[in-house]
C-alpha atoms as a PDB file:
ATOM      1  CA  UNK A   1    -157.847 209.568 -18.055  1.00  0.00           C
ATOM      2  CA  UNK A   2    -160.281 211.810 -19.997  1.00  0.00           C
ATOM      3  CA  UNK A   3    -162.928 209.933 -22.033  1.00  0.00           C
ATOM      4  CA  UNK A   4    -163.396 210.720 -25.732  1.00  0.00           C
ATOM      5  CA  UNK A   5    -166.769 212.383 -25.051  1.00  0.00           C
ATOM      6  CA  UNK A   6    -165.187 214.409 -22.276  1.00  0.00           C
ATOM      7  CA  UNK A   7    -165.944 214.916 -18.586  1.00  0.00           C
ATOM      8  CA  UNK A   8    -167.454 217.837 -16.742  1.00  0.00           C
ATOM      9  CA  UNK A   9    -164.971 220.598 -16.011  1.00  0.00           C
ATOM     10  CA  UNK A  10    -165.726 220.466 -12.273  1.00  0.00           C
ATOM     11  CA  UNK A  11    -164.763 216.786 -12.096  1.00  0.00           C
ATOM     12  CA  UNK A  12    -161.646 217.419 -14.168  1.00  0.00           C
ATOM     13  CA  UNK A  13    -160.461 220.134 -11.761  1.00  0.00           C
ATOM     14  CA  UNK A  14    -160.870 217.786  -8.792  1.00  0.00           C
ATOM     15  CA  UNK A  15    -158.997 214.977 -10.577  1.00  0.00           C
ATOM     16  CA  UNK A  16    -156.232 217.434 -11.445  1.00  0.00           C
ATOM     17  CA  UNK A  17    -155.895 218.490  -7.801  1.00  0.00           C
ATOM     18  CA  UNK A  18    -156.813 222.081  -8.713  1.00  0.00           C
ATOM     19  CA  UNK A  19    -159.802 222.004  -6.316  1.00  0.00           C
ATOM     20  CA  UNK A  20    -160.554 219.804  -3.287  1.00  0.00           C
ATOM     21  CA  UNK A  21    -164.245 219.388  -4.214  1.00  0.00           C
ATOM     22  CA  UNK A  22    -166.665 220.028  -7.074  1.00  0.00           C
ATOM     23  CA  UNK A  23    -168.192 222.896  -5.114  1.00  0.00           C
ATOM     24  CA  UNK A  24    -164.797 224.583  -4.822  1.00  0.00           C
ATOM     25  CA  UNK A  25    -164.236 223.893  -8.512  1.00  0.00           C
ATOM     26  CA  UNK A  26    -167.501 225.672  -9.321  1.00  0.00           C
ATOM     27  CA  UNK A  27    -166.338 228.651  -7.260  1.00  0.00           C
ATOM     28  CA  UNK A  28    -163.166 228.850  -9.382  1.00  0.00           C
ATOM     29  CA  UNK A  29    -165.200 228.655 -12.587  1.00  0.00           C
ATOM     30  CA  UNK A  30    -167.677 231.320 -11.452  1.00  0.00           C
ATOM     31  CA  UNK A  31    -164.772 233.593 -10.553  1.00  0.00           C
ATOM     32  CA  UNK A  32    -163.545 233.365 -14.153  1.00  0.00           C
ATOM     33  CA  UNK A  33    -160.242 231.801 -13.142  1.00  0.00           C
ATOM     34  CA  UNK A  34    -160.567 228.701 -15.345  1.00  0.00           C
ATOM     35  CA  UNK A  35    -159.871 228.608 -19.081  1.00  0.00           C
ATOM     36  CA  UNK A  36    -160.250 225.774 -21.588  1.00  0.00           C
ATOM     37  CA  UNK A  37    -158.127 226.168 -24.712  1.00  0.00           C
ATOM     38  CA  UNK A  38    -157.585 229.829 -23.861  1.00  0.00           C
ATOM     39  CA  UNK A  39    -161.260 230.783 -23.400  1.00  0.00           C
ATOM     40  CA  UNK A  40    -162.837 231.514 -20.005  1.00  0.00           C
ATOM     41  CA  UNK A  41    -164.979 228.479 -19.156  1.00  0.00           C
ATOM     42  CA  UNK A  42    -168.539 228.284 -17.847  1.00  0.00           C
ATOM     43  CA  UNK A  43    -170.133 225.808 -15.459  1.00  0.00           C
ATOM     44  CA  UNK A  44    -171.452 223.607 -18.287  1.00  0.00           C
ATOM     45  CA  UNK A  45    -168.050 223.125 -19.926  1.00  0.00           C
ATOM     46  CA  UNK A  46    -166.662 219.675 -20.687  1.00  0.00           C
ATOM     47  CA  UNK A  47    -163.031 218.685 -21.111  1.00  0.00           C
ATOM     48  CA  UNK A  48    -162.069 216.370 -23.966  1.00  0.00           C
ATOM     49  CA  UNK A  49    -158.765 214.677 -24.847  1.00  0.00           C
ATOM     50  CA  UNK A  50    -156.271 217.254 -26.066  1.00  0.00           C
ATOM     51  CA  UNK A  51    -157.953 220.213 -24.322  1.00  0.00           C
ATOM     52  CA  UNK A  52    -155.739 222.535 -22.283  1.00  0.00           C
ATOM     53  CA  UNK A  53    -157.154 223.596 -18.937  1.00  0.00           C
ATOM     54  CA  UNK A  54    -155.609 226.365 -16.856  1.00  0.00           C
ATOM     55  CA  UNK A  55    -156.490 227.729 -13.433  1.00  0.00           C
ATOM     56  CA  UNK A  56    -155.197 231.219 -12.739  1.00  0.00           C
ATOM     57  CA  UNK A  57    -152.891 230.786 -15.724  1.00  0.00           C
ATOM     58  CA  UNK A  58    -151.456 227.557 -14.345  1.00  0.00           C
ATOM     59  CA  UNK A  59    -151.916 224.349 -16.351  1.00  0.00           C
ATOM     60  CA  UNK A  60    -154.136 221.743 -14.644  1.00  0.00           C
ATOM     61  CA  UNK A  61    -153.428 218.122 -15.583  1.00  0.00           C
ATOM     62  CA  UNK A  62    -154.719 214.987 -13.803  1.00  0.00           C
ATOM     63  CA  UNK A  63    -151.875 212.859 -12.471  1.00  0.00           C
ATOM     64  CA  UNK A  64    -150.867 209.705 -14.321  1.00  0.00           C
ATOM     65  CA  UNK A  65    -150.521 207.921 -10.991  1.00  0.00           C
ATOM     66  CA  UNK A  66    -152.287 208.505  -7.712  1.00  0.00           C
ATOM     67  CA  UNK A  67    -149.929 209.216  -4.820  1.00  0.00           C
ATOM     68  CA  UNK A  68    -150.684 209.271  -1.098  1.00  0.00           C
ATOM     69  CA  UNK A  69    -147.919 210.219   1.332  1.00  0.00           C
ATOM     70  CA  UNK A  70    -147.878 210.050   5.126  1.00  0.00           C
ATOM     71  CA  UNK A  71    -145.831 212.813   6.750  1.00  0.00           C
ATOM     72  CA  UNK A  72    -144.929 213.139  10.414  1.00  0.00           C
ATOM     73  CA  UNK A  73    -145.451 216.888  10.636  1.00  0.00           C
ATOM     74  CA  UNK A  74    -143.129 218.329  13.288  1.00  0.00           C
ATOM     75  CA  UNK A  75    -144.209 221.101  15.643  1.00  0.00           C
ATOM     76  CA  UNK A  76    -143.386 224.558  14.284  1.00  0.00           C
ATOM     77  CA  UNK A  77    -144.209 223.807  10.636  1.00  0.00           C
ATOM     78  CA  UNK A  78    -147.157 225.407   8.862  1.00  0.00           C
ATOM     79  CA  UNK A  79    -149.526 223.433   6.635  1.00  0.00           C
ATOM     80  CA  UNK A  80    -149.232 225.831   3.735  1.00  0.00           C
ATOM     81  CA  UNK A  81    -147.096 226.257   0.641  1.00  0.00           C
ATOM     82  CA  UNK A  82    -145.988 229.798   1.519  1.00  0.00           C
ATOM     83  CA  UNK A  83    -145.691 231.053   5.087  1.00  0.00           C
ATOM     84  CA  UNK A  84    -146.632 234.658   5.853  1.00  0.00           C
ATOM     85  CA  UNK A  85    -144.915 234.457   9.240  1.00  0.00           C
ATOM     86  CA  UNK A  86    -141.621 233.137   7.928  1.00  0.00           C
ATOM     87  CA  UNK A  87    -142.063 229.774   9.668  1.00  0.00           C
ATOM     88  CA  UNK A  88    -140.956 226.630   7.808  1.00  0.00           C
ATOM     89  CA  UNK A  89    -143.678 224.850   5.819  1.00  0.00           C
ATOM     90  CA  UNK A  90    -144.520 221.177   5.341  1.00  0.00           C
ATOM     91  CA  UNK A  91    -143.621 221.417   1.652  1.00  0.00           C
ATOM     92  CA  UNK A  92    -139.984 221.857   2.630  1.00  0.00           C
ATOM     93  CA  UNK A  93    -140.114 218.263   3.902  1.00  0.00           C
ATOM     94  CA  UNK A  94    -141.801 216.690   0.864  1.00  0.00           C
ATOM     95  CA  UNK A  95    -140.810 215.723  -2.682  1.00  0.00           C
ATOM     96  CA  UNK A  96    -141.906 217.945  -5.571  1.00  0.00           C
ATOM     97  CA  UNK A  97    -144.946 216.224  -7.086  1.00  0.00           C
ATOM     98  CA  UNK A  98    -147.618 217.865  -9.306  1.00  0.00           C
ATOM     99  CA  UNK A  99    -150.950 218.451  -7.574  1.00  0.00           C
ATOM    100  CA  UNK A 100    -149.734 217.299  -4.151  1.00  0.00           C
ATOM    101  CA  UNK A 101    -151.868 218.839  -1.398  1.00  0.00           C
ATOM    102  CA  UNK A 102    -152.632 218.172   2.286  1.00  0.00           C
ATOM    103  CA  UNK A 103    -155.637 216.120   3.380  1.00  0.00           C
ATOM    104  CA  UNK A 104    -156.862 218.550   6.036  1.00  0.00           C
ATOM    105  CA  UNK A 105    -154.483 220.514   8.214  1.00  0.00           C
ATOM    106  CA  UNK A 106    -152.574 220.597  11.472  1.00  0.00           C
ATOM    107  CA  UNK A 107    -151.857 223.973  13.065  1.00  0.00           C
ATOM    108  CA  UNK A 108    -148.297 225.140  13.560  1.00  0.00           C
ATOM    109  CA  UNK A 109    -148.170 224.070  17.215  1.00  0.00           C
ATOM    110  CA  UNK A 110    -149.503 220.562  16.509  1.00  0.00           C
ATOM    111  CA  UNK A 111    -147.647 217.535  15.195  1.00  0.00           C
ATOM    112  CA  UNK A 112    -148.217 214.049  13.875  1.00  0.00           C
ATOM    113  CA  UNK A 113    -149.817 212.300  10.928  1.00  0.00           C
ATOM    114  CA  UNK A 114    -150.645 214.464   7.919  1.00  0.00           C
ATOM    115  CA  UNK A 115    -151.606 212.836   4.623  1.00  0.00           C
ATOM    116  CA  UNK A 116    -150.817 214.352   1.218  1.00  0.00           C
ATOM    117  CA  UNK A 117    -152.237 213.275  -2.131  1.00  0.00           C
ATOM    118  CA  UNK A 118    -152.815 214.350  -5.716  1.00  0.00           C
ATOM    119  CA  UNK A 119    -156.347 212.843  -5.595  1.00  0.00           C
ATOM    120  CA  UNK A 120    -158.880 215.615  -4.959  1.00  0.00           C
ATOM    121  CA  UNK A 121    -161.853 213.254  -4.659  1.00  0.00           C
ATOM    122  CA  UNK A 122    -160.097 211.257  -1.927  1.00  0.00           C
ATOM    123  CA  UNK A 123    -159.308 214.466  -0.055  1.00  0.00           C
ATOM    124  CA  UNK A 124    -162.944 215.534  -0.101  1.00  0.00           C
ATOM    125  CA  UNK A 125    -164.129 212.209   1.309  1.00  0.00           C
ATOM    126  CA  UNK A 126    -161.487 212.067   4.041  1.00  0.00           C
ATOM    127  CA  UNK A 127    -162.060 215.621   5.275  1.00  0.00           C
ATOM    128  CA  UNK A 128    -165.834 216.159   4.978  1.00  0.00           C
ATOM    129  CA  UNK A 129    -167.627 215.306   8.269  1.00  0.00           C
ATOM    130  CA  UNK A 130    -170.505 213.775   6.277  1.00  0.00           C
ATOM    131  CA  UNK A 131    -168.372 210.700   5.549  1.00  0.00           C
ATOM    132  CA  UNK A 132    -167.346 210.137   9.175  1.00  0.00           C
ATOM    133  CA  UNK A 133    -163.671 209.288   8.677  1.00  0.00           C
ATOM    134  CA  UNK A 134    -162.087 209.137  12.131  1.00  0.00           C
ATOM    135  CA  UNK A 135    -159.102 211.207  13.248  1.00  0.00           C
ATOM    136  CA  UNK A 136    -157.383 210.215  16.505  1.00  0.00           C
ATOM    137  CA  UNK A 137    -155.331 212.624  18.630  1.00  0.00           C
ATOM    138  CA  UNK A 138    -153.106 212.011  21.655  1.00  0.00           C
ATOM    139  CA  UNK A 139    -153.013 215.109  23.851  1.00  0.00           C
ATOM    140  CA  UNK A 140    -151.043 216.062  26.937  1.00  0.00           C
ATOM    141  CA  UNK A 141    -151.957 218.775  29.461  1.00  0.00           C
ATOM    142  CA  UNK A 142    -149.909 220.448  32.174  1.00  0.00           C
ATOM    143  CA  UNK A 143    -152.829 219.717  34.501  1.00  0.00           C
ATOM    144  CA  UNK A 144    -152.470 215.996  33.884  1.00  0.00           C
ATOM    145  CA  UNK A 145    -155.197 213.477  33.125  1.00  0.00           C
ATOM    146  CA  UNK A 146    -158.810 214.733  33.004  1.00  0.00           C
ATOM    147  CA  UNK A 147    -161.326 212.701  35.025  1.00  0.00           C
ATOM    148  CA  UNK A 148    -163.706 210.504  32.995  1.00  0.00           C
ATOM    149  CA  UNK A 149    -166.760 212.627  33.861  1.00  0.00           C
ATOM    150  CA  UNK A 150    -165.211 215.689  32.174  1.00  0.00           C
ATOM    151  CA  UNK A 151    -164.251 213.678  29.101  1.00  0.00           C
ATOM    152  CA  UNK A 152    -167.814 212.386  28.860  1.00  0.00           C
ATOM    153  CA  UNK A 153    -168.888 216.017  28.467  1.00  0.00           C
ATOM    154  CA  UNK A 154    -166.833 216.130  25.287  1.00  0.00           C
ATOM    155  CA  UNK A 155    -168.607 213.029  23.989  1.00  0.00           C
ATOM    156  CA  UNK A 156    -172.016 214.558  24.746  1.00  0.00           C
ATOM    157  CA  UNK A 157    -170.939 217.787  23.042  1.00  0.00           C
ATOM    158  CA  UNK A 158    -170.606 221.322  24.333  1.00  0.00           C
ATOM    159  CA  UNK A 159    -170.920 224.870  23.084  1.00  0.00           C
ATOM    160  CA  UNK A 160    -167.805 227.054  23.205  1.00  0.00           C
ATOM    161  CA  UNK A 161    -167.856 230.708  24.244  1.00  0.00           C
ATOM    162  CA  UNK A 162    -167.670 231.549  20.548  1.00  0.00           C
ATOM    163  CA  UNK A 163    -171.022 229.819  20.059  1.00  0.00           C
ATOM    164  CA  UNK A 164    -169.531 226.927  18.078  1.00  0.00           C
ATOM    165  CA  UNK A 165    -170.672 223.446  19.096  1.00  0.00           C
ATOM    166  CA  UNK A 166    -167.993 220.760  19.331  1.00  0.00           C
ATOM    167  CA  UNK A 167    -168.263 217.064  20.048  1.00  0.00           C
ATOM    168  CA  UNK A 168    -165.863 214.146  20.267  1.00  0.00           C
ATOM    169  CA  UNK A 169    -166.779 210.694  19.016  1.00  0.00           C
ATOM    170  CA  UNK A 170    -164.648 209.285  21.840  1.00  0.00           C
ATOM    171  CA  UNK A 171    -162.643 210.835  24.663  1.00  0.00           C
ATOM    172  CA  UNK A 172    -160.615 208.519  26.877  1.00  0.00           C
ATOM    173  CA  UNK A 173    -158.184 209.324  29.697  1.00  0.00           C
ATOM    174  CA  UNK A 174    -154.521 208.601  29.040  1.00  0.00           C
ATOM    175  CA  UNK A 175    -151.586 209.218  31.355  1.00  0.00           C
ATOM    176  CA  UNK A 176    -150.859 212.952  31.330  1.00  0.00           C
ATOM    177  CA  UNK A 177    -153.817 213.772  29.097  1.00  0.00           C
ATOM    178  CA  UNK A 178    -156.306 212.011  26.842  1.00  0.00           C
ATOM    179  CA  UNK A 179    -156.988 210.331  23.504  1.00  0.00           C
ATOM    180  CA  UNK A 180    -159.623 212.179  21.453  1.00  0.00           C
ATOM    181  CA  UNK A 181    -161.371 210.777  18.366  1.00  0.00           C
ATOM    182  CA  UNK A 182    -163.186 213.130  15.969  1.00  0.00           C
ATOM    183  CA  UNK A 183    -165.051 212.730  12.687  1.00  0.00           C
ATOM    184  CA  UNK A 184    -164.761 216.410  11.801  1.00  0.00           C
ATOM    185  CA  UNK A 185    -161.948 218.888  11.823  1.00  0.00           C
ATOM    186  CA  UNK A 186    -162.854 222.382  12.930  1.00  0.00           C
ATOM    187  CA  UNK A 187    -159.839 224.661  13.357  1.00  0.00           C
ATOM    188  CA  UNK A 188    -158.029 223.966  16.651  1.00  0.00           C
ATOM    189  CA  UNK A 189    -161.058 221.947  17.784  1.00  0.00           C
ATOM    190  CA  UNK A 190    -159.227 219.580  20.131  1.00  0.00           C
ATOM    191  CA  UNK A 191    -157.441 222.479  21.830  1.00  0.00           C
ATOM    192  CA  UNK A 192    -160.714 224.357  22.355  1.00  0.00           C
ATOM    193  CA  UNK A 193    -162.387 221.215  23.718  1.00  0.00           C
ATOM    194  CA  UNK A 194    -159.686 220.548  26.272  1.00  0.00           C
ATOM    195  CA  UNK A 195    -159.528 224.196  27.339  1.00  0.00           C
ATOM    196  CA  UNK A 196    -163.319 224.171  27.810  1.00  0.00           C
ATOM    197  CA  UNK A 197    -163.041 221.427  30.457  1.00  0.00           C
ATOM    198  CA  UNK A 198    -160.121 223.146  32.180  1.00  0.00           C
ATOM    199  CA  UNK A 199    -157.279 221.036  30.765  1.00  0.00           C
ATOM    200  CA  UNK A 200    -155.449 223.190  28.198  1.00  0.00           C
ATOM    201  CA  UNK A 201    -153.282 221.281  25.715  1.00  0.00           C
ATOM    202  CA  UNK A 202    -149.525 221.336  26.137  1.00  0.00           C
ATOM    203  CA  UNK A 203    -148.811 218.921  23.286  1.00  0.00           C
ATOM    204  CA  UNK A 204    -151.055 217.569  20.509  1.00  0.00           C
ATOM    205  CA  UNK A 205    -150.119 214.610  18.317  1.00  0.00           C
ATOM    206  CA  UNK A 206    -152.355 213.149  15.599  1.00  0.00           C
ATOM    207  CA  UNK A 207    -151.719 209.416  15.630  1.00  0.00           C
ATOM    208  CA  UNK A 208    -154.290 208.073  13.165  1.00  0.00           C
ATOM    209  CA  UNK A 209    -156.480 209.104  10.234  1.00  0.00           C
ATOM    210  CA  UNK A 210    -158.978 206.515   9.031  1.00  0.00           C
ATOM    211  CA  UNK A 211    -157.022 203.235   8.905  1.00  0.00           C
ATOM    212  CA  UNK A 212    -153.609 204.935   8.544  1.00  0.00           C
ATOM    213  CA  UNK A 213    -151.414 205.098  11.641  1.00  0.00           C
ATOM    214  CA  UNK A 214    -148.414 207.289  12.391  1.00  0.00           C
ATOM    215  CA  UNK A 215    -146.596 204.252  13.762  1.00  0.00           C
ATOM    216  CA  UNK A 216    -142.866 204.566  14.274  1.00  0.00           C
ATOM    217  CA  UNK A 217    -142.245 207.439  11.871  1.00  0.00           C
ATOM    218  CA  UNK A 218    -139.819 210.119  12.998  1.00  0.00           C
ATOM    219  CA  UNK A 219    -140.649 213.851  12.978  1.00  0.00           C
ATOM    220  CA  UNK A 220    -140.086 215.310   9.516  1.00  0.00           C
ATOM    221  CA  UNK A 221    -140.113 211.933   7.755  1.00  0.00           C
ATOM    222  CA  UNK A 222    -142.533 210.901   5.009  1.00  0.00           C
ATOM    223  CA  UNK A 223    -143.403 207.642   3.308  1.00  0.00           C
ATOM    224  CA  UNK A 224    -145.607 206.578   0.411  1.00  0.00           C
ATOM    225  CA  UNK A 225    -148.527 204.394   1.467  1.00  0.00           C
ATOM    226  CA  UNK A 226    -148.374 200.741   0.538  1.00  0.00           C
ATOM    227  CA  UNK A 227    -151.000 199.097  -1.687  1.00  0.00           C
ATOM    228  CA  UNK A 228    -152.800 197.458   1.262  1.00  0.00           C
ATOM    229  CA  UNK A 229    -152.985 200.828   3.034  1.00  0.00           C
ATOM    230  CA  UNK A 230    -154.371 202.499  -0.088  1.00  0.00           C
ATOM    231  CA  UNK A 231    -157.111 199.879  -0.354  1.00  0.00           C
ATOM    232  CA  UNK A 232    -157.999 200.327   3.323  1.00  0.00           C
ATOM    233  CA  UNK A 233    -158.062 204.106   2.861  1.00  0.00           C
ATOM    234  CA  UNK A 234    -160.375 203.787  -0.151  1.00  0.00           C
ATOM    235  CA  UNK A 235    -162.731 201.562   1.851  1.00  0.00           C
ATOM    236  CA  UNK A 236    -162.842 204.133   4.637  1.00  0.00           C
ATOM    237  CA  UNK A 237    -163.469 206.981   2.193  1.00  0.00           C
ATOM    238  CA  UNK A 238    -165.710 205.410  -0.439  1.00  0.00           C
ATOM    239  CA  UNK A 239    -167.151 202.272   1.170  1.00  0.00           C
ATOM    240  CA  UNK A 240    -166.724 198.583   0.393  1.00  0.00           C
ATOM    241  CA  UNK A 241    -166.934 198.008  -3.396  1.00  0.00           C
ATOM    242  CA  UNK A 242    -168.044 194.407  -2.795  1.00  0.00           C
ATOM    243  CA  UNK A 243    -171.230 195.571  -1.047  1.00  0.00           C
ATOM    244  CA  UNK A 244    -174.023 196.759  -3.311  1.00  0.00           C
ATOM    245  CA  UNK A 245    -175.330 200.217  -2.546  1.00  0.00           C
ATOM    246  CA  UNK A 246    -172.239 201.121  -0.537  1.00  0.00           C
ATOM    247  CA  UNK A 247    -171.697 204.265  -2.608  1.00  0.00           C
ATOM    248  CA  UNK A 248    -168.184 203.095  -3.376  1.00  0.00           C
ATOM    249  CA  UNK A 249    -166.588 204.276  -6.580  1.00  0.00           C
ATOM    250  CA  UNK A 250    -164.636 201.989  -8.843  1.00  0.00           C
ATOM    251  CA  UNK A 251    -160.987 202.827  -9.399  1.00  0.00           C
ATOM    252  CA  UNK A 252    -158.816 201.943 -12.325  1.00  0.00           C
ATOM    253  CA  UNK A 253    -155.390 200.664 -11.427  1.00  0.00           C
ATOM    254  CA  UNK A 254    -152.840 203.423 -11.684  1.00  0.00           C
END
């Protein structure tokens, strides 16, 4: 809800799901893509009740109710609204809801838990490595189960041939492969890690993000998170509101 004295345009764009972070919102504003009441807006703009905000000509409105969905993304689907390759997209599996966007991504060959929300601030917290929200992946390799000493290399961190440094929070052997826990999400990071130790991935399944588990969901199915799950997700993203100095934000009930 917009206060009578207004809120900063950057914050409004995040609340409306038009940008995943205030920095991205500033990029949109600098590019001249944001208008308020028909006039191109600047970085110092504020939005007040009754103002009309558009991004690229499209109206941006904060949702009346926060929604968080858990999708079991099947292999072969792209995490995008429009596919350039002609492959099916995750949006074909989801209901039409304003501002709904993915919390991070899974590549086309990967499967498993993928969260969607209309809450841009939540997305930023869950995906930025600074906040340390854990993502857990079950992987299988044609070469079988890597020995513990190789998996410890992933925990210590290693530099790929591309020069990018990768590191797992945890890497544990599991029959036919491993279970990898990350707090960041570089593109195809788990696949590059496993290939670097000589165990290329045959199948990759994300089983957990923060406190939310894939559980017994079937491929292609989605569900709306329950209230207890939403509270646990907020604690993981924003801290414990009962602890002073936790950096947690207060939320109004929606």
